[in-house]
Amino acid sequence: WTVLAEADQLFYRVFYQQIRSGKEFGWAVWRAREEVRLVFPHRTDWLAYTYFGHPKCEPYLVRASQGFTFFEALNPPENDCFEAGQSYKF
């Protein structure tokens, strides 16, 4: 749903402050939501922000590389061992 621009700005400001201080994603989202709830007690904007992932997830610095690709087969073999010459959908 639509949230106040001020609530959005506050959420991300607190979220990134928490991340930069070394907090895990779950904690950073919880803290940012709590701040929005306290600053705008008459609104439900704080409920609009969610995080789906492991609560102890931590950011990492991205390093330059030659490339990286992740893919997942839609029809993997029963034994999870791909065989040469077989067709798979990705």
N, C-alpha and C. Protein backbone atom coordinates (compact mmCIF):
# COMPACT_ATOMS: atom_id res chain seq x y z
N TRP A 1 0.84 -1.18 0.00
CA TRP A 1 0.00 0.00 0.00
C TRP A 1 0.88 1.24 0.00
N THR A 2 0.29 2.35 -0.29
CA THR A 2 1.03 3.60 -0.33
C THR A 2 1.35 4.05 1.08
N VAL A 3 2.60 4.46 1.29
CA VAL A 3 3.03 4.98 2.59
C VAL A 3 3.47 6.43 2.41
N LEU A 4 3.52 7.14 3.51
CA LEU A 4 4.01 8.51 3.46
C LEU A 4 5.46 8.53 2.98
N ALA A 5 5.80 9.51 2.18
CA ALA A 5 7.19 9.65 1.73
C ALA A 5 8.11 9.83 2.94
N GLU A 6 7.64 10.52 3.94
CA GLU A 6 8.45 10.74 5.15
C GLU A 6 8.71 9.42 5.89
N ALA A 7 7.71 8.55 5.90
CA ALA A 7 7.88 7.24 6.54
C ALA A 7 8.89 6.40 5.75
N ASP A 8 8.78 6.45 4.44
CA ASP A 8 9.72 5.73 3.57
C ASP A 8 11.15 6.21 3.80
N GLN A 9 11.33 7.50 3.82
CA GLN A 9 12.66 8.07 4.03
C GLN A 9 13.21 7.69 5.40
N LEU A 10 12.37 7.74 6.41
CA LEU A 10 12.79 7.38 7.75
C LEU A 10 13.17 5.90 7.82
N PHE A 11 12.35 5.05 7.25
CA PHE A 11 12.65 3.62 7.27
C PHE A 11 14.02 3.34 6.66
N TYR A 12 14.26 3.84 5.46
CA TYR A 12 15.53 3.54 4.80
C TYR A 12 16.71 4.22 5.45
N ARG A 13 16.52 5.37 6.01
CA ARG A 13 17.62 6.03 6.72
C ARG A 13 18.04 5.18 7.93
N VAL A 14 17.07 4.74 8.71
CA VAL A 14 17.38 3.91 9.89
C VAL A 14 17.91 2.55 9.46
N PHE A 15 17.29 1.95 8.46
CA PHE A 15 17.74 0.64 7.97
C PHE A 15 19.22 0.68 7.57
N TYR A 16 19.60 1.65 6.74
CA TYR A 16 20.99 1.71 6.28
C TYR A 16 21.95 2.13 7.39
N GLN A 17 21.49 2.92 8.33
CA GLN A 17 22.34 3.23 9.49
C GLN A 17 22.65 1.96 10.26
N GLN A 18 21.64 1.13 10.45
CA GLN A 18 21.82 -0.13 11.16
C GLN A 18 22.77 -1.07 10.40
N ILE A 19 22.58 -1.18 9.09
CA ILE A 19 23.44 -2.04 8.27
C ILE A 19 24.88 -1.55 8.32
N ARG A 20 25.07 -0.24 8.18
CA ARG A 20 26.43 0.32 8.19
C ARG A 20 27.11 0.15 9.55
N SER A 21 26.31 0.03 10.61
CA SER A 21 26.90 -0.15 11.95
C SER A 21 27.16 -1.63 12.25
N GLY A 22 26.89 -2.49 11.27
CA GLY A 22 27.21 -3.91 11.44
C GLY A 22 26.06 -4.80 11.90
N LYS A 23 24.86 -4.25 11.95
CA LYS A 23 23.70 -5.05 12.37
C LYS A 23 23.28 -6.00 11.25
N GLU A 24 22.68 -7.12 11.64
CA GLU A 24 22.16 -8.09 10.68
C GLU A 24 20.88 -7.55 10.05
N PHE A 25 20.51 -8.09 8.87
CA PHE A 25 19.34 -7.59 8.15
C PHE A 25 18.07 -7.66 8.99
N GLY A 26 17.83 -8.78 9.64
CA GLY A 26 16.62 -8.94 10.45
C GLY A 26 16.50 -7.86 11.51
N TRP A 27 17.60 -7.60 12.20
CA TRP A 27 17.61 -6.56 13.23
C TRP A 27 17.40 -5.18 12.60
N ALA A 28 18.07 -4.91 11.49
CA ALA A 28 17.97 -3.60 10.84
C ALA A 28 16.54 -3.31 10.40
N VAL A 29 15.88 -4.30 9.84
CA VAL A 29 14.49 -4.11 9.41
C VAL A 29 13.59 -3.90 10.62
N TRP A 30 13.78 -4.72 11.66
CA TRP A 30 12.96 -4.57 12.87
C TRP A 30 13.12 -3.18 13.45
N ARG A 31 14.36 -2.71 13.55
CA ARG A 31 14.64 -1.39 14.15
C ARG A 31 14.04 -0.27 13.31
N ALA A 32 14.17 -0.36 12.00
CA ALA A 32 13.63 0.67 11.11
C ALA A 32 12.09 0.69 11.17
N ARG A 33 11.47 -0.48 11.18
CA ARG A 33 10.02 -0.54 11.32
C ARG A 33 9.57 0.07 12.63
N GLU A 34 10.29 -0.26 13.70
CA GLU A 34 9.95 0.28 15.02
C GLU A 34 10.04 1.80 15.03
N GLU A 35 11.05 2.34 14.39
CA GLU A 35 11.21 3.80 14.35
C GLU A 35 10.04 4.46 13.60
N VAL A 36 9.64 3.87 12.48
CA VAL A 36 8.49 4.40 11.73
C VAL A 36 7.23 4.33 12.59
N ARG A 37 7.04 3.23 13.32
CA ARG A 37 5.87 3.08 14.18
C ARG A 37 5.85 4.14 15.28
N LEU A 38 7.02 4.45 15.85
CA LEU A 38 7.08 5.44 16.93
C LEU A 38 6.88 6.86 16.43
N VAL A 39 7.41 7.16 15.26
CA VAL A 39 7.30 8.52 14.72
C VAL A 39 5.92 8.79 14.13
N PHE A 40 5.27 7.76 13.59
CA PHE A 40 3.94 7.91 13.00
C PHE A 40 2.96 6.96 13.70
N PRO A 41 2.68 7.19 14.98
CA PRO A 41 1.85 6.24 15.75
C PRO A 41 0.40 6.15 15.27
N HIS A 42 -0.06 7.13 14.54
CA HIS A 42 -1.44 7.15 14.07
C HIS A 42 -1.61 6.46 12.72
N ARG A 43 -0.52 5.92 12.17
CA ARG A 43 -0.57 5.29 10.85
C ARG A 43 -0.05 3.86 10.92
N THR A 44 -0.38 3.08 9.92
CA THR A 44 0.09 1.69 9.87
C THR A 44 1.21 1.50 8.85
N ASP A 45 1.86 2.57 8.46
CA ASP A 45 2.92 2.49 7.45
C ASP A 45 4.01 1.50 7.83
N TRP A 46 4.32 1.39 9.09
CA TRP A 46 5.41 0.52 9.53
C TRP A 46 5.16 -0.94 9.15
N LEU A 47 3.90 -1.32 8.95
CA LEU A 47 3.57 -2.69 8.56
C LEU A 47 3.87 -2.98 7.09
N ALA A 48 4.11 -1.95 6.29
CA ALA A 48 4.35 -2.14 4.86
C ALA A 48 5.74 -2.68 4.57
N TYR A 49 6.64 -2.60 5.52
CA TYR A 49 8.02 -3.00 5.30
C TYR A 49 8.24 -4.42 5.80
N THR A 50 8.68 -5.29 4.91
CA THR A 50 8.92 -6.68 5.28
C THR A 50 10.28 -7.14 4.78
N TYR A 51 10.77 -8.18 5.40
CA TYR A 51 12.04 -8.78 4.99
C TYR A 51 11.84 -10.29 4.99
N PHE A 52 12.07 -10.91 3.87
CA PHE A 52 11.98 -12.36 3.77
C PHE A 52 13.39 -12.90 3.59
N GLY A 53 13.90 -13.51 4.60
CA GLY A 53 15.24 -14.06 4.54
C GLY A 53 15.69 -14.44 5.93
N HIS A 54 16.88 -15.01 6.00
CA HIS A 54 17.42 -15.41 7.29
C HIS A 54 17.66 -14.15 8.12
N PRO A 55 17.20 -14.12 9.38
CA PRO A 55 17.34 -12.90 10.19
C PRO A 55 18.78 -12.51 10.48
N LYS A 56 19.70 -13.46 10.39
CA LYS A 56 21.10 -13.15 10.67
C LYS A 56 21.90 -12.89 9.39
N CYS A 57 21.21 -12.71 8.29
CA CYS A 57 21.88 -12.40 7.03
C CYS A 57 22.68 -11.11 7.18
N GLU A 58 23.88 -11.10 6.63
CA GLU A 58 24.74 -9.92 6.71
C GLU A 58 25.16 -9.50 5.30
N PRO A 59 25.28 -8.20 5.06
CA PRO A 59 25.74 -7.75 3.74
C PRO A 59 27.22 -8.06 3.56
N TYR A 60 27.65 -8.09 2.33
CA TYR A 60 29.06 -8.28 2.03
C TYR A 60 29.43 -7.38 0.86
N LEU A 61 30.69 -7.05 0.78
CA LEU A 61 31.17 -6.21 -0.30
C LEU A 61 31.27 -7.04 -1.58
N VAL A 62 30.79 -6.49 -2.66
CA VAL A 62 30.87 -7.16 -3.95
C VAL A 62 32.23 -6.85 -4.55
N ARG A 63 32.92 -7.90 -4.97
CA ARG A 63 34.22 -7.73 -5.60
C ARG A 63 34.10 -7.96 -7.09
N ALA A 64 34.91 -7.26 -7.85
CA ALA A 64 34.92 -7.44 -9.30
C ALA A 64 35.36 -8.86 -9.62
N SER A 65 34.73 -9.45 -10.64
CA SER A 65 35.10 -10.80 -11.06
C SER A 65 34.87 -10.93 -12.55
N GLN A 66 35.21 -12.07 -13.08
CA GLN A 66 35.03 -12.32 -14.50
C GLN A 66 33.56 -12.57 -14.85
N GLY A 67 32.79 -12.91 -13.87
CA GLY A 67 31.37 -13.13 -14.09
C GLY A 67 30.83 -14.20 -13.18
N PHE A 68 29.55 -14.19 -12.98
CA PHE A 68 28.89 -15.17 -12.12
C PHE A 68 27.46 -15.31 -12.58
N THR A 69 27.01 -16.54 -12.66
CA THR A 69 25.64 -16.80 -13.05
C THR A 69 25.08 -17.90 -12.17
N PHE A 70 23.87 -17.71 -11.72
CA PHE A 70 23.18 -18.73 -10.96
C PHE A 70 21.97 -19.15 -11.77
N PHE A 71 21.78 -20.44 -11.93
CA PHE A 71 20.60 -20.91 -12.64
C PHE A 71 20.09 -22.17 -11.96
N GLU A 72 18.81 -22.44 -12.18
CA GLU A 72 18.17 -23.60 -11.57
C GLU A 72 17.32 -24.29 -12.61
N ALA A 73 17.47 -25.59 -12.70
CA ALA A 73 16.69 -26.35 -13.67
C ALA A 73 15.24 -26.47 -13.22
N LEU A 74 14.33 -26.35 -14.17
CA LEU A 74 12.91 -26.51 -13.87
C LEU A 74 12.53 -27.99 -13.82
N ASN A 75 13.32 -28.81 -14.50
CA ASN A 75 13.06 -30.25 -14.51
C ASN A 75 14.34 -31.01 -14.17
N PRO A 76 14.85 -30.87 -12.95
CA PRO A 76 16.10 -31.54 -12.60
C PRO A 76 15.92 -33.05 -12.59
N PRO A 77 16.99 -33.79 -12.85
CA PRO A 77 16.88 -35.25 -12.79
C PRO A 77 16.60 -35.70 -11.35
N GLU A 78 16.00 -36.88 -11.22
CA GLU A 78 15.63 -37.41 -9.91
C GLU A 78 16.82 -37.47 -8.95
N ASN A 79 17.99 -37.83 -9.45
CA ASN A 79 19.17 -37.99 -8.60
C ASN A 79 20.02 -36.73 -8.50
N ASP A 80 19.55 -35.63 -9.07
CA ASP A 80 20.27 -34.35 -9.06
C ASP A 80 21.60 -34.39 -9.78
N CYS A 81 21.81 -35.39 -10.63
CA CYS A 81 23.04 -35.47 -11.44
C CYS A 81 22.68 -35.24 -12.90
N PHE A 82 23.15 -34.16 -13.46
CA PHE A 82 22.88 -33.87 -14.85
C PHE A 82 23.69 -34.81 -15.74
N GLU A 83 23.11 -35.22 -16.84
CA GLU A 83 23.77 -36.14 -17.76
C GLU A 83 23.97 -35.45 -19.10
N ALA A 84 25.16 -35.65 -19.67
CA ALA A 84 25.47 -35.07 -20.98
C ALA A 84 24.51 -35.62 -22.00
N GLY A 85 24.08 -34.75 -22.91
CA GLY A 85 23.19 -35.16 -23.99
C GLY A 85 21.71 -35.08 -23.66
N GLN A 86 21.37 -34.91 -22.41
CA GLN A 86 19.96 -34.79 -22.02
C GLN A 86 19.51 -33.33 -22.12
N SER A 87 18.24 -33.12 -22.32
CA SER A 87 17.69 -31.76 -22.40
C SER A 87 17.09 -31.38 -21.06
N TYR A 88 17.37 -30.14 -20.65
CA TYR A 88 16.85 -29.62 -19.41
C TYR A 88 16.30 -28.23 -19.65
N LYS A 89 15.30 -27.84 -18.88
CA LYS A 89 14.70 -26.50 -18.98
C LYS A 89 15.21 -25.66 -17.80
N PHE A 90 15.66 -24.44 -18.12
CA PHE A 90 16.17 -23.54 -17.10
C PHE A 90 15.36 -22.27 -17.06
